[in-house]
Structure formats: C-alpha cells, structure tokens
Amino acid sequence: MQIVFSDRQLVHRPRQYGVHGRLVAPVENASRAETLLARLASLGLSHREPDDVGLAAITAVHTEDYVRFLAGAWPRFQALKNAGPEVLPNVHPYLSQPSGHSGGGARRKLRATGILAEAGWYIGDLSCAMGERTHEAVHASAMSAASAADLVLAGAPSAFALCRPPGHHAYADRASGFCFLNNAAIAAQRLRQAYAKVAMIDFDTHHGDGTQTIFYERGDVFVGSVHTDPGEYYPFYLGYGDERGIGEGEGCNLNIPLPFGANDAAYVAGVEKLVEAAVTFGAQALVVSAGWDAHRDDPLSRLDVGDAAYPAIGALIGRMNLPTVIVQEGGYSLPAVATSAPAFVEAFLEASR
C-alpha cells in the first residue's frame, strides 16, 4: 500500500474555529497529517506525491461555481474594508441547510454576487476559516484522493489518501466541518470509471453528511456510516437511521447512529453491519472514510471507543478483499491517531492478503 500525500496540504493553517459561542484555536491542524505520515511510514509504507489530474476530478462531484469560489475567495475577501485575516461568513441563509436531497445535494445558483454573500452561501459553519493558502492545500488534498483512486484503477489492491484538510462534511456546493472538497466522493466517482458499483464505509465519529447528500439519489454508490447520534452532535441535521436514499438511491444509504458512551463492541458491530450491507449491494470497489476521532481520548469524541476497536475494524474491511481507497478524515488527539491509524492499517493489510 502506498500513501499519497503532498506537503502542500500543510499550508492550510487556520487561526479560528467557532465552537460553543467562542472562536478558539482549530483542532484540525497540520500536526495531524505530520503525525499520521510518520506513523504509517514506520510500518514500511512508501509515500508518493499526488498527480495533479485537473479540475475535472473535482467538478465530477462539486459544482463549478463552488470550485470557483474556493479558488478566489481569499483575495476577494481581503479587498473588503477592515477585512479580517481569514474568510469567515457572517450570514448563513436558511437554504445552506438543505431540507431534502436533490441534484447531488447542490442548491440553485446564488443570485447575489458579493463576497460576503458568497461566503455565507458556500461556507456552512465557523469551522472552515480560509487563509491565503487554504485553496492550495484543499486542491492538493483532493488530488491525493484522486491519485490514490488512480493507483487502484491501475491495479494496486489498495492505497491510502492522507487527505488534509478532510472532506466528508463537504457538500457539492458547500464547505462545512473543516472540509472544503469531498475527497472520498472524488475517489469514489473516479473508481466508477472501472467499477459499476462502489461502496463507501465511513467510521469517523461524525456522520459524513456531505458524502451522503452527494450520492443520495444514486444507485451505483452505496454510502454507509457508523457515527455518534446526531441528535445532539455535529452535524445535527443529517445522519439518522431512517435516511435510506431516494429514487434510484433508495436502499443505498445506511446510517448507524450510536448513543453517547457507546463502546468498542457497539462501534465494531456497526462497521460489521456496513460491511454486510456493502457486500449485499454487490460492491466491486471500496472507499473508506477513516476517522480516528471516535477514540475516547479525542477532544471531540462522545463515545467510549479504545485502541482495540481499530484493528478489529481493519480486519473486517480487509476481509472484503475489494480494491480499496482509504481516505483520511478526522482524528484530533495526536496520541490516539498515532496508535489507532497504524493498528487499523496493519490489520487491514494482514486480512486482505
């Protein structure tokens, strides 16, 4: 297994993160990727730079107007009188939280043209501050996902896209939850070039609302997620058990929300159900949204998940023996990341041999 990662993904260095009524230092920072790269390299995995495969890989799942916004937001924002150091919205239109799913999750085009209106439209919360080099990092992260998918398309049994910033909260036309471009969705769409049915399994502690919305009406991509119950937990508005997909996608979405305090056994059992559903779906290739933030030591976790859960999950997914792209999502305790991620990868590789 090769790791795909670029140092350009480290140049996104947000200063602000809005939580519980305060702007604080972001928990999503460059140290996460540096720690993960070092620990996975210690397993003997090689590391390669992503290829820049172009915007077509991104616009396959994101709208062109949103992609243009990301590319030009920072200089336009800086042209405002008394602009702050980062792009952060001060308005959030009600349509920024979709009440349903249609058109790949994309809303109608924005009629307003100013940068303040666009920031509110295209950025869904206060966790996606954009600095001068944010777009550079976001683009490189998406290219890591696309390049990892290309490795699998070329015959590699698996690849690890060390994506940072992460992606599973990114909608077709909106940034949210530290995420700007949906790296896992980009990888899944790329795998569709060769595989008629692709499954996505997400075990980040947060529901991948962006991923669900992008594929909610499609019957060619199964999306399954085990996560903390969103009733009182981010992302709040999606991730419930009755969300099964609509139209051609009916039955192709499976959410397994877990109550606060759920332990290793419940977490692993949730992944087992997702694996069974993906097999029943007839998946020919797999994308894994891998988050380490369910760990009890993570500052954002409300679960009681420990080190032993991650090799168990790795073995479950590895035994599927599918062409697999693993995409890095959350995980904000560096000690927990340093133990959980390599344990998962080792177990995955052993089980898939």
Protein backbone atom coordinates (compact mmCIF):
# COMPACT_ATOMS: atom_id res chain seq x y z
CA MET A 1 0.00 0.00 0.00
CA GLN A 2 1.26 3.45 -0.92
CA ILE A 3 0.50 6.67 0.95
CA VAL A 4 -0.43 9.61 -1.25
CA PHE A 5 0.31 12.99 0.31
CA SER A 6 1.77 16.39 -0.52
CA ASP A 7 3.45 18.85 1.83
CA ARG A 8 1.25 21.49 0.19
CA GLN A 9 -1.58 20.06 2.29
CA LEU A 10 0.13 21.53 5.36
CA VAL A 11 -0.05 25.17 4.22
CA HIS A 12 -3.69 25.50 5.33
CA ARG A 13 -3.16 26.86 8.85
CA PRO A 14 -6.47 28.23 10.14
CA ARG A 15 -6.39 30.57 13.12
CA GLN A 16 -10.03 30.40 14.16
CA TYR A 17 -12.64 27.75 14.92
CA GLY A 18 -16.07 28.65 16.21
CA VAL A 19 -17.41 26.31 18.89
CA HIS A 20 -19.82 26.80 21.81
CA GLY A 21 -20.00 30.54 21.19
CA ARG A 22 -16.23 31.10 21.10
CA LEU A 23 -13.53 31.43 18.47
CA VAL A 24 -10.72 29.13 19.55
CA ALA A 25 -7.60 27.55 18.06
CA PRO A 26 -8.61 24.90 15.50
CA VAL A 27 -8.19 21.25 16.41
CA GLU A 28 -7.83 20.49 12.70
CA ASN A 29 -4.20 21.43 12.13
CA ALA A 30 -1.12 20.40 10.20
CA SER A 31 0.29 18.32 13.07
CA ARG A 32 -2.39 15.71 12.44
CA ALA A 33 -1.08 14.91 8.98
CA GLU A 34 2.55 15.05 10.04
CA THR A 35 1.91 12.58 12.88
CA LEU A 36 -0.04 10.22 10.66
CA LEU A 37 2.57 10.27 7.89
CA ALA A 38 5.35 9.45 10.34
CA ARG A 39 3.45 6.60 11.97
CA LEU A 40 2.36 4.99 8.71
CA ALA A 41 5.86 5.30 7.31
CA SER A 42 7.09 3.36 10.34
CA LEU A 43 5.07 0.41 9.03
CA GLY A 44 7.25 0.40 5.93
CA LEU A 45 4.67 2.02 3.67
CA SER A 46 6.08 4.16 0.87
CA HIS A 47 4.95 7.72 0.23
CA ARG A 48 4.37 9.42 -3.09
CA GLU A 49 3.24 12.84 -4.26
CA PRO A 50 -0.19 13.11 -5.87
CA ASP A 51 -0.52 13.84 -9.56
CA ASP A 52 -2.46 16.95 -10.46
CA VAL A 53 -5.16 15.31 -12.55
CA GLY A 54 -7.04 18.57 -13.06
CA LEU A 55 -10.32 20.17 -12.06
CA ALA A 56 -12.42 17.57 -13.86
CA ALA A 57 -11.87 15.16 -10.96
CA ILE A 58 -13.28 17.78 -8.60
CA THR A 59 -16.17 19.05 -10.72
CA ALA A 60 -17.30 15.44 -11.16
CA VAL A 61 -18.84 15.84 -7.67
CA HIS A 62 -18.72 19.60 -6.95
CA THR A 63 -20.40 22.46 -8.77
CA GLU A 64 -18.24 24.72 -10.92
CA ASP A 65 -19.47 27.88 -9.17
CA TYR A 66 -18.42 26.50 -5.78
CA VAL A 67 -15.00 25.46 -7.09
CA ARG A 68 -14.51 28.99 -8.48
CA PHE A 69 -15.46 30.44 -5.10
CA LEU A 70 -12.84 28.37 -3.28
CA ALA A 71 -10.14 29.41 -5.74
CA GLY A 72 -10.78 33.14 -5.45
CA ALA A 73 -12.36 33.71 -2.04
CA TRP A 74 -9.34 34.86 -0.04
CA PRO A 75 -8.12 37.73 -2.27
CA ARG A 76 -11.69 38.93 -2.81
CA PHE A 77 -12.34 38.89 0.93
CA GLN A 78 -9.12 40.79 1.64
CA ALA A 79 -10.33 43.57 -0.66
CA LEU A 80 -13.12 44.34 1.84
CA LYS A 81 -12.70 47.34 4.11
CA ASN A 82 -11.45 46.19 7.54
CA ALA A 83 -11.28 42.56 6.43
CA GLY A 84 -10.06 40.00 8.94
CA PRO A 85 -7.16 37.64 8.24
CA GLU A 86 -9.40 34.77 7.07
CA VAL A 87 -12.59 34.25 5.13
CA LEU A 88 -15.39 33.57 7.62
CA PRO A 89 -19.09 34.14 6.94
CA ASN A 90 -21.29 36.43 8.99
CA VAL A 91 -24.54 35.26 7.36
CA HIS A 92 -25.95 31.77 6.88
CA PRO A 93 -29.01 31.60 4.59
CA TYR A 94 -31.60 29.01 5.51
CA LEU A 95 -31.02 27.22 2.22
CA SER A 96 -27.47 26.45 3.37
CA GLN A 97 -29.01 23.63 5.40
CA PRO A 98 -30.88 21.54 2.83
CA SER A 99 -34.25 20.25 3.94
CA GLY A 100 -34.07 17.47 1.38
CA HIS A 101 -31.81 15.97 -1.23
CA SER A 102 -31.84 16.77 -4.92
CA GLY A 103 -29.42 17.25 -7.75
CA GLY A 104 -26.44 15.72 -5.97
CA GLY A 105 -27.04 17.96 -2.98
CA ALA A 106 -26.48 21.16 -4.95
CA ARG A 107 -28.80 24.12 -4.42
CA ARG A 108 -29.95 26.60 -7.00
CA LYS A 109 -27.28 29.04 -8.13
CA LEU A 110 -26.67 32.04 -5.90
CA ARG A 111 -28.11 35.28 -7.26
CA ALA A 112 -26.03 37.63 -5.12
CA THR A 113 -22.52 38.37 -6.39
CA GLY A 114 -20.63 39.91 -3.45
CA ILE A 115 -18.00 38.01 -1.48
CA LEU A 116 -19.91 38.36 1.82
CA ALA A 117 -23.00 36.76 0.30
CA GLU A 118 -20.89 34.05 -1.32
CA ALA A 119 -19.04 33.29 1.93
CA GLY A 120 -22.36 32.74 3.70
CA TRP A 121 -23.70 30.63 0.85
CA TYR A 122 -20.66 28.43 0.27
CA ILE A 123 -19.35 28.08 3.86
CA GLY A 124 -21.77 26.33 6.18
CA ASP A 125 -20.28 26.96 9.63
CA LEU A 126 -17.44 28.54 11.60
CA SER A 127 -15.01 25.62 11.27
CA CYS A 128 -13.89 26.44 7.72
CA ALA A 129 -11.81 29.60 8.01
CA MET A 130 -9.93 30.20 4.75
CA GLY A 131 -6.48 31.77 4.71
CA GLU A 132 -4.18 32.86 1.91
CA ARG A 133 -3.03 29.32 1.04
CA THR A 134 -6.11 27.33 2.03
CA HIS A 135 -7.14 26.68 -1.55
CA GLU A 136 -3.68 25.34 -2.38
CA ALA A 137 -3.95 22.79 0.43
CA VAL A 138 -7.55 21.91 -0.41
CA HIS A 139 -6.68 21.27 -4.05
CA ALA A 140 -3.68 19.13 -3.11
CA SER A 141 -5.82 17.11 -0.70
CA ALA A 142 -8.35 16.40 -3.44
CA MET A 143 -5.54 15.41 -5.80
CA SER A 144 -4.26 12.95 -3.18
CA ALA A 145 -7.67 11.26 -3.17
CA ALA A 146 -7.90 11.20 -6.96
CA SER A 147 -4.33 9.88 -7.30
CA ALA A 148 -4.96 7.14 -4.74
CA ALA A 149 -8.01 6.09 -6.75
CA ASP A 150 -5.87 6.08 -9.88
CA LEU A 151 -3.37 3.74 -8.20
CA VAL A 152 -6.19 1.31 -7.52
CA LEU A 153 -7.53 1.72 -11.05
CA ALA A 154 -4.04 0.82 -12.29
CA GLY A 155 -4.09 -2.45 -10.34
CA ALA A 156 -2.92 -1.69 -6.80
CA PRO A 157 -5.07 -3.62 -4.29
CA SER A 158 -5.24 -0.58 -2.00
CA ALA A 159 -3.94 2.94 -1.44
CA PHE A 160 -4.05 5.42 1.45
CA ALA A 161 -5.01 9.01 0.59
CA LEU A 162 -3.67 11.04 3.51
CA CYS A 163 -6.13 13.86 2.95
CA ARG A 164 -5.81 17.04 4.92
CA PRO A 165 -7.97 19.09 5.05
CA PRO A 166 -10.51 16.26 5.41
CA GLY A 167 -13.62 16.06 3.25
CA HIS A 168 -16.69 14.10 4.27
CA HIS A 169 -18.68 17.14 5.50
CA ALA A 170 -18.19 18.96 2.19
CA TYR A 171 -21.34 19.14 0.07
CA ALA A 172 -21.45 19.57 -3.68
CA ASP A 173 -21.52 23.33 -3.16
CA ARG A 174 -20.65 23.99 0.49
CA ALA A 175 -17.77 23.74 2.95
CA SER A 176 -18.54 22.52 6.47
CA GLY A 177 -16.89 20.80 9.42
CA PHE A 178 -13.23 21.51 8.50
CA CYS A 179 -14.00 20.15 4.99
CA PHE A 180 -13.87 22.02 1.67
CA LEU A 181 -13.79 19.36 -1.04
CA ASN A 182 -15.20 15.88 -0.53
CA ASN A 183 -12.10 13.76 -1.04
CA ALA A 184 -13.86 10.43 -0.50
CA ALA A 185 -16.58 11.33 -3.01
CA ILE A 186 -13.93 12.35 -5.53
CA ALA A 187 -12.22 8.97 -5.08
CA ALA A 188 -15.49 7.05 -5.37
CA GLN A 189 -16.53 8.87 -8.52
CA ARG A 190 -13.12 8.18 -10.02
CA LEU A 191 -13.42 4.46 -9.25
CA ARG A 192 -16.71 4.44 -11.12
CA GLN A 193 -14.68 4.68 -14.32
CA ALA A 194 -13.94 0.97 -13.97
CA TYR A 195 -16.39 -0.39 -11.38
CA ALA A 196 -20.15 -0.42 -11.81
CA LYS A 197 -20.83 -0.44 -8.06
CA VAL A 198 -18.71 1.32 -5.45
CA ALA A 199 -19.30 1.19 -1.69
CA MET A 200 -18.28 3.82 0.83
CA ILE A 201 -17.80 2.96 4.50
CA ASP A 202 -17.36 5.83 6.95
CA PHE A 203 -16.32 5.18 10.57
CA ASP A 204 -15.44 8.73 11.56
CA THR A 205 -17.25 9.69 14.77
CA HIS A 206 -19.18 12.35 12.82
CA HIS A 207 -21.69 11.48 10.14
CA GLY A 208 -20.44 12.22 6.63
CA ASP A 209 -23.37 14.44 5.69
CA GLY A 210 -21.69 15.83 2.60
CA THR A 211 -20.94 12.36 1.24
CA GLN A 212 -24.48 11.16 1.91
CA THR A 213 -26.02 14.13 0.14
CA ILE A 214 -23.82 13.87 -2.95
CA PHE A 215 -24.85 10.25 -3.59
CA TYR A 216 -28.31 10.16 -2.00
CA GLU A 217 -30.20 9.75 -5.28
CA ARG A 218 -27.76 7.34 -6.91
CA GLY A 219 -27.99 3.59 -7.13
CA ASP A 220 -24.39 2.98 -8.19
CA VAL A 221 -22.72 4.12 -4.94
CA PHE A 222 -23.59 2.67 -1.53
CA VAL A 223 -22.89 5.03 1.40
CA GLY A 224 -22.74 3.57 4.90
CA SER A 225 -21.76 5.35 8.10
CA VAL A 226 -21.42 4.44 11.78
CA HIS A 227 -21.21 7.57 13.92
CA THR A 228 -22.35 9.37 17.04
CA ASP A 229 -26.09 10.05 17.14
CA PRO A 230 -26.54 13.50 15.56
CA GLY A 231 -29.50 14.40 17.78
CA GLU A 232 -27.15 16.42 19.99
CA TYR A 233 -23.94 16.14 17.99
CA TYR A 234 -22.44 17.53 14.80
CA PRO A 235 -23.63 17.59 12.01
CA PHE A 236 -27.08 17.57 13.68
CA TYR A 237 -29.22 17.80 10.53
CA LEU A 238 -28.42 14.50 8.82
CA GLY A 239 -27.22 11.05 9.85
CA TYR A 240 -30.40 9.44 11.15
CA GLY A 241 -31.36 5.80 10.71
CA ASP A 242 -34.39 6.47 8.53
CA GLU A 243 -32.32 8.15 5.80
CA ARG A 244 -32.17 5.36 3.22
CA GLY A 245 -31.78 7.19 -0.09
CA ILE A 246 -34.42 8.27 -2.60
CA GLY A 247 -35.22 7.48 -6.22
CA GLU A 248 -32.57 5.25 -7.73
CA GLY A 249 -30.67 5.56 -4.48
CA GLU A 250 -33.38 4.11 -2.28
CA GLY A 251 -31.79 1.48 -0.04
CA CYS A 252 -28.26 2.58 -0.95
CA ASN A 253 -27.71 4.67 2.18
CA LEU A 254 -27.30 3.19 5.64
CA ASN A 255 -26.72 5.15 8.85
CA ILE A 256 -25.94 3.53 12.19
CA PRO A 257 -26.04 6.26 14.84
CA LEU A 258 -24.58 5.30 18.23
CA PRO A 259 -25.59 6.79 21.58
CA PHE A 260 -23.14 8.77 23.68
CA GLY A 261 -20.90 6.37 25.57
CA ALA A 262 -21.10 3.52 23.04
CA ASN A 263 -18.14 1.16 23.44
CA ASP A 264 -15.81 -0.85 21.22
CA ALA A 265 -18.30 -3.68 20.75
CA ALA A 266 -21.06 -1.37 19.50
CA TYR A 267 -18.70 0.53 17.23
CA VAL A 268 -17.22 -2.61 15.66
CA ALA A 269 -20.69 -4.17 15.31
CA GLY A 270 -21.79 -1.07 13.43
CA VAL A 271 -18.95 -1.43 10.94
CA GLU A 272 -19.78 -5.13 10.57
CA LYS A 273 -23.33 -4.18 9.54
CA LEU A 274 -21.96 -1.72 7.00
CA VAL A 275 -19.67 -4.40 5.54
CA GLU A 276 -22.58 -6.82 5.24
CA ALA A 277 -24.71 -4.18 3.53
CA ALA A 278 -21.92 -3.29 1.10
CA VAL A 279 -21.49 -6.96 0.17
CA THR A 280 -25.25 -7.34 -0.33
CA PHE A 281 -25.16 -4.23 -2.51
CA GLY A 282 -22.68 -6.02 -4.76
CA ALA A 283 -19.79 -3.60 -4.30
CA GLN A 284 -16.88 -4.12 -6.68
CA ALA A 285 -14.62 -1.47 -5.13
CA LEU A 286 -14.49 0.35 -1.82
CA VAL A 287 -13.74 3.79 -0.42
CA VAL A 288 -13.17 4.02 3.34
CA SER A 289 -13.63 7.34 5.15
CA ALA A 290 -11.28 6.67 8.06
CA GLY A 291 -11.59 8.85 11.14
CA TRP A 292 -9.87 8.23 14.47
CA ASP A 293 -11.99 10.69 16.44
CA ALA A 294 -14.35 8.11 17.95
CA HIS A 295 -11.45 7.28 20.29
CA ARG A 296 -12.30 8.16 23.88
CA ASP A 297 -9.16 10.34 24.10
CA ASP A 298 -10.19 12.55 21.19
CA PRO A 299 -11.29 16.05 22.26
CA LEU A 300 -14.41 15.80 20.08
CA SER A 301 -15.44 12.25 20.99
CA ARG A 302 -18.55 11.39 22.96
CA LEU A 303 -18.01 7.63 22.58
CA ASP A 304 -16.11 5.16 24.76
CA VAL A 305 -14.02 3.63 21.98
CA GLY A 306 -10.46 2.46 22.65
CA ASP A 307 -7.38 1.23 20.80
CA ALA A 308 -8.69 -2.32 20.28
CA ALA A 309 -11.55 -1.22 18.04
CA TYR A 310 -9.37 -0.08 15.15
CA PRO A 311 -7.55 -3.32 14.29
CA ALA A 312 -10.90 -5.11 14.58
CA ILE A 313 -12.39 -2.70 12.04
CA GLY A 314 -9.32 -3.01 9.83
CA ALA A 315 -9.68 -6.79 9.74
CA LEU A 316 -13.40 -6.58 8.91
CA ILE A 317 -12.79 -4.25 5.98
CA GLY A 318 -9.66 -6.06 4.81
CA ARG A 319 -11.53 -9.36 4.58
CA MET A 320 -13.82 -7.80 1.98
CA ASN A 321 -10.89 -8.21 -0.44
CA LEU A 322 -12.03 -5.34 -2.64
CA PRO A 323 -9.91 -2.75 -4.46
CA THR A 324 -9.82 -0.13 -1.70
CA VAL A 325 -9.00 3.55 -1.31
CA ILE A 326 -8.63 4.61 2.33
CA VAL A 327 -9.26 8.33 2.75
CA GLN A 328 -8.17 10.18 5.89
CA GLU A 329 -10.95 12.11 7.64
CA GLY A 330 -10.98 13.17 11.34
CA GLY A 331 -8.89 12.42 14.41
CA TYR A 332 -7.69 15.25 16.66
CA SER A 333 -5.80 13.58 19.51
CA LEU A 334 -2.27 13.05 18.23
CA PRO A 335 -1.58 10.13 20.63
CA ALA A 336 -4.82 8.43 19.59
CA VAL A 337 -4.07 8.97 15.89
CA ALA A 338 -0.55 7.61 16.41
CA THR A 339 -1.87 4.30 17.75
CA SER A 340 -5.23 3.84 16.02
CA ALA A 341 -4.28 4.52 12.41
CA PRO A 342 -1.31 2.15 12.13
CA ALA A 343 -3.21 -0.55 14.03
CA PHE A 344 -6.07 -0.26 11.54
CA VAL A 345 -3.77 -0.32 8.52
CA GLU A 346 -1.74 -3.30 9.77
CA ALA A 347 -4.89 -5.32 10.41
CA PHE A 348 -6.39 -4.30 7.07
CA LEU A 349 -3.26 -5.37 5.17
CA GLU A 350 -2.98 -8.67 7.04
CA ALA A 351 -6.64 -9.55 6.47
CA SER A 352 -6.58 -8.65 2.79
CA ARG A 353 -3.56 -10.81 1.92
